[in-house]
C-alpha atoms as a PDB file:
ATOM      1  CA  MET A   1       0.000   0.000   0.000  1.00  0.00           C
ATOM      2  CA  ARG A   2       1.168   3.502  -0.786  1.00  0.00           C
ATOM      3  CA  ALA A   3       0.066   6.794   0.710  1.00  0.00           C
ATOM      4  CA  VAL A   4       0.621  10.507   0.193  1.00  0.00           C
ATOM      5  CA  ILE A   5       1.656  12.647   3.161  1.00  0.00           C
ATOM      6  CA  THR A   6       1.512  16.424   2.883  1.00  0.00           C
ATOM      7  CA  VAL A   7       2.941  18.922   5.356  1.00  0.00           C
ATOM      8  CA  VAL A   8       2.360  22.689   5.268  1.00  0.00           C
ATOM      9  CA  GLY A   9       3.272  25.261   7.884  1.00  0.00           C
ATOM     10  CA  LYS A  10       5.654  27.933   9.049  1.00  0.00           C
ATOM     11  CA  ASP A  11       9.206  26.876   8.241  1.00  0.00           C
ATOM     12  CA  THR A  12      11.190  25.665  11.262  1.00  0.00           C
ATOM     13  CA  VAL A  13      14.211  23.462  11.758  1.00  0.00           C
ATOM     14  CA  GLY A  14      13.575  19.716  11.875  1.00  0.00           C
ATOM     15  CA  ILE A  15      10.216  19.273  10.152  1.00  0.00           C
ATOM     16  CA  ILE A  16      11.504  16.659   7.710  1.00  0.00           C
ATOM     17  CA  ALA A  17      13.384  14.912  10.512  1.00  0.00           C
ATOM     18  CA  LYS A  18      10.297  14.679  12.731  1.00  0.00           C
ATOM     19  CA  VAL A  19       8.036  13.308  10.002  1.00  0.00           C
ATOM     20  CA  SER A  20      10.760  10.943   8.783  1.00  0.00           C
ATOM     21  CA  ASP A  21      11.347   9.720  12.344  1.00  0.00           C
ATOM     22  CA  ILE A  22       7.680   8.763  12.695  1.00  0.00           C
ATOM     23  CA  CYS A  23       7.884   6.949   9.363  1.00  0.00           C
ATOM     24  CA  ALA A  24      11.025   5.053  10.369  1.00  0.00           C
ATOM     25  CA  LYS A  25       9.666   4.056  13.784  1.00  0.00           C
ATOM     26  CA  ASN A  26       6.549   2.611  12.137  1.00  0.00           C
ATOM     27  CA  ASP A  27       8.180   0.727   9.225  1.00  0.00           C
ATOM     28  CA  VAL A  28       6.947   3.263   6.691  1.00  0.00           C
ATOM     29  CA  ASN A  29       9.310   3.524   3.730  1.00  0.00           C
ATOM     30  CA  ILE A  30       9.700   6.927   2.076  1.00  0.00           C
ATOM     31  CA  LEU A  31       9.626   6.348  -1.687  1.00  0.00           C
ATOM     32  CA  ASP A  32       9.750   9.963  -2.847  1.00  0.00           C
ATOM     33  CA  ILE A  33       9.897  13.362  -1.205  1.00  0.00           C
ATOM     34  CA  SER A  34       9.598  16.902  -2.473  1.00  0.00           C
ATOM     35  CA  GLN A  35       9.843  19.998  -0.329  1.00  0.00           C
ATOM     36  CA  SER A  36      10.100  23.721  -0.847  1.00  0.00           C
ATOM     37  CA  ILE A  37       9.845  26.982   1.020  1.00  0.00           C
ATOM     38  CA  VAL A  38       7.258  29.427  -0.305  1.00  0.00           C
ATOM     39  CA  ASN A  39       7.300  32.844   1.389  1.00  0.00           C
ATOM     40  CA  ASP A  40       8.441  31.393   4.742  1.00  0.00           C
ATOM     41  CA  PHE A  41       5.998  28.484   4.504  1.00  0.00           C
ATOM     42  CA  PHE A  42       7.298  24.937   4.428  1.00  0.00           C
ATOM     43  CA  CYS A  43       5.566  22.686   1.876  1.00  0.00           C
ATOM     44  CA  MET A  44       6.316  18.964   1.563  1.00  0.00           C
ATOM     45  CA  ILE A  45       4.822  16.002  -0.248  1.00  0.00           C
ATOM     46  CA  MET A  46       5.948  12.447   0.539  1.00  0.00           C
ATOM     47  CA  VAL A  47       4.953   9.252  -1.202  1.00  0.00           C
ATOM     48  CA  VAL A  48       5.376   6.372   1.233  1.00  0.00           C
ATOM     49  CA  SER A  49       4.975   2.615   1.270  1.00  0.00           C
ATOM     50  CA  ILE A  50       3.334   0.892   4.201  1.00  0.00           C
ATOM     51  CA  PRO A  51       3.958  -2.863   4.230  1.00  0.00           C
ATOM     52  CA  LYS A  52       1.265  -5.255   5.429  1.00  0.00           C
ATOM     53  CA  THR A  53       3.143  -5.832   8.709  1.00  0.00           C
ATOM     54  CA  ALA A  54       3.172  -2.144   9.657  1.00  0.00           C
ATOM     55  CA  ILE A  55       0.691  -0.372  11.918  1.00  0.00           C
ATOM     56  CA  LYS A  56      -2.819   0.324  10.703  1.00  0.00           C
ATOM     57  CA  PHE A  57      -3.001   3.269   8.356  1.00  0.00           C
ATOM     58  CA  THR A  58      -5.523   5.010  10.628  1.00  0.00           C
ATOM     59  CA  GLU A  59      -3.001   4.823  13.484  1.00  0.00           C
ATOM     60  CA  LEU A  60      -0.333   6.434  11.315  1.00  0.00           C
ATOM     61  CA  VAL A  61      -2.784   9.192  10.344  1.00  0.00           C
ATOM     62  CA  ASP A  62      -3.498   9.852  14.040  1.00  0.00           C
ATOM     63  CA  ILE A  63       0.221   9.986  14.926  1.00  0.00           C
ATOM     64  CA  LEU A  64       0.976  12.406  12.086  1.00  0.00           C
ATOM     65  CA  THR A  65      -2.062  14.556  12.904  1.00  0.00           C
ATOM     66  CA  LYS A  66      -0.890  14.800  16.525  1.00  0.00           C
ATOM     67  CA  LEU A  67       2.585  15.839  15.375  1.00  0.00           C
ATOM     68  CA  GLY A  68       1.008  18.530  13.214  1.00  0.00           C
ATOM     69  CA  GLU A  69      -1.060  19.841  16.105  1.00  0.00           C
ATOM     70  CA  ASP A  70       1.973  19.887  18.404  1.00  0.00           C
ATOM     71  CA  GLU A  71       4.178  21.647  15.834  1.00  0.00           C
ATOM     72  CA  GLY A  72       1.626  24.055  14.336  1.00  0.00           C
ATOM     73  CA  LEU A  73       1.624  22.250  10.986  1.00  0.00           C
ATOM     74  CA  ALA A  74      -1.102  20.913   8.727  1.00  0.00           C
ATOM     75  CA  ILE A  75      -0.150  17.263   8.175  1.00  0.00           C
ATOM     76  CA  HIS A  76      -2.426  15.052   6.105  1.00  0.00           C
ATOM     77  CA  ALA A  77      -1.966  11.414   5.103  1.00  0.00           C
ATOM     78  CA  MET A  78      -4.129   9.930   2.402  1.00  0.00           C
ATOM     79  CA  HIS A  79      -4.278   6.430   0.946  1.00  0.00           C
ATOM     80  CA  GLU A  80      -3.056   6.422  -2.663  1.00  0.00           C
ATOM     81  CA  ASP A  81      -6.387   5.097  -3.976  1.00  0.00           C
ATOM     82  CA  ILE A  82      -8.323   7.987  -2.416  1.00  0.00           C
ATOM     83  CA  PHE A  83      -5.744  10.497  -3.671  1.00  0.00           C
ATOM     84  CA  ASN A  84      -6.016   9.103  -7.206  1.00  0.00           C
ATOM     85  CA  SER A  85      -9.826   9.082  -7.087  1.00  0.00           C
ATOM     86  CA  MET A  86      -9.917  12.728  -6.022  1.00  0.00           C
ATOM     87  CA  HIS A  87      -7.738  13.754  -8.950  1.00  0.00           C
ATOM     88  CA  ARG A  88      -9.384  11.659 -11.646  1.00  0.00           C
ATOM     89  CA  ILE A  89     -11.146  13.613 -14.377  1.00  0.00           C
END
């Protein structure tokens, strides 16, 4: 299973490290990552792979949401199928 994780917020040191740490601790493999700074705002998109032995996707979403709340970031994780359905014409 693959998922898309987006992070948006005021740029601070360690955002990538904190999100990546959660991924590593939960056996989530980062397949691709893109990040940029737009007028002092940090913007990142990650495509990740979650093997069948990893935690439930809903648990990962909750962990990332909590990190976002704690850090003042908007962090969203979406299953690849839902992401693709939303962007289908």
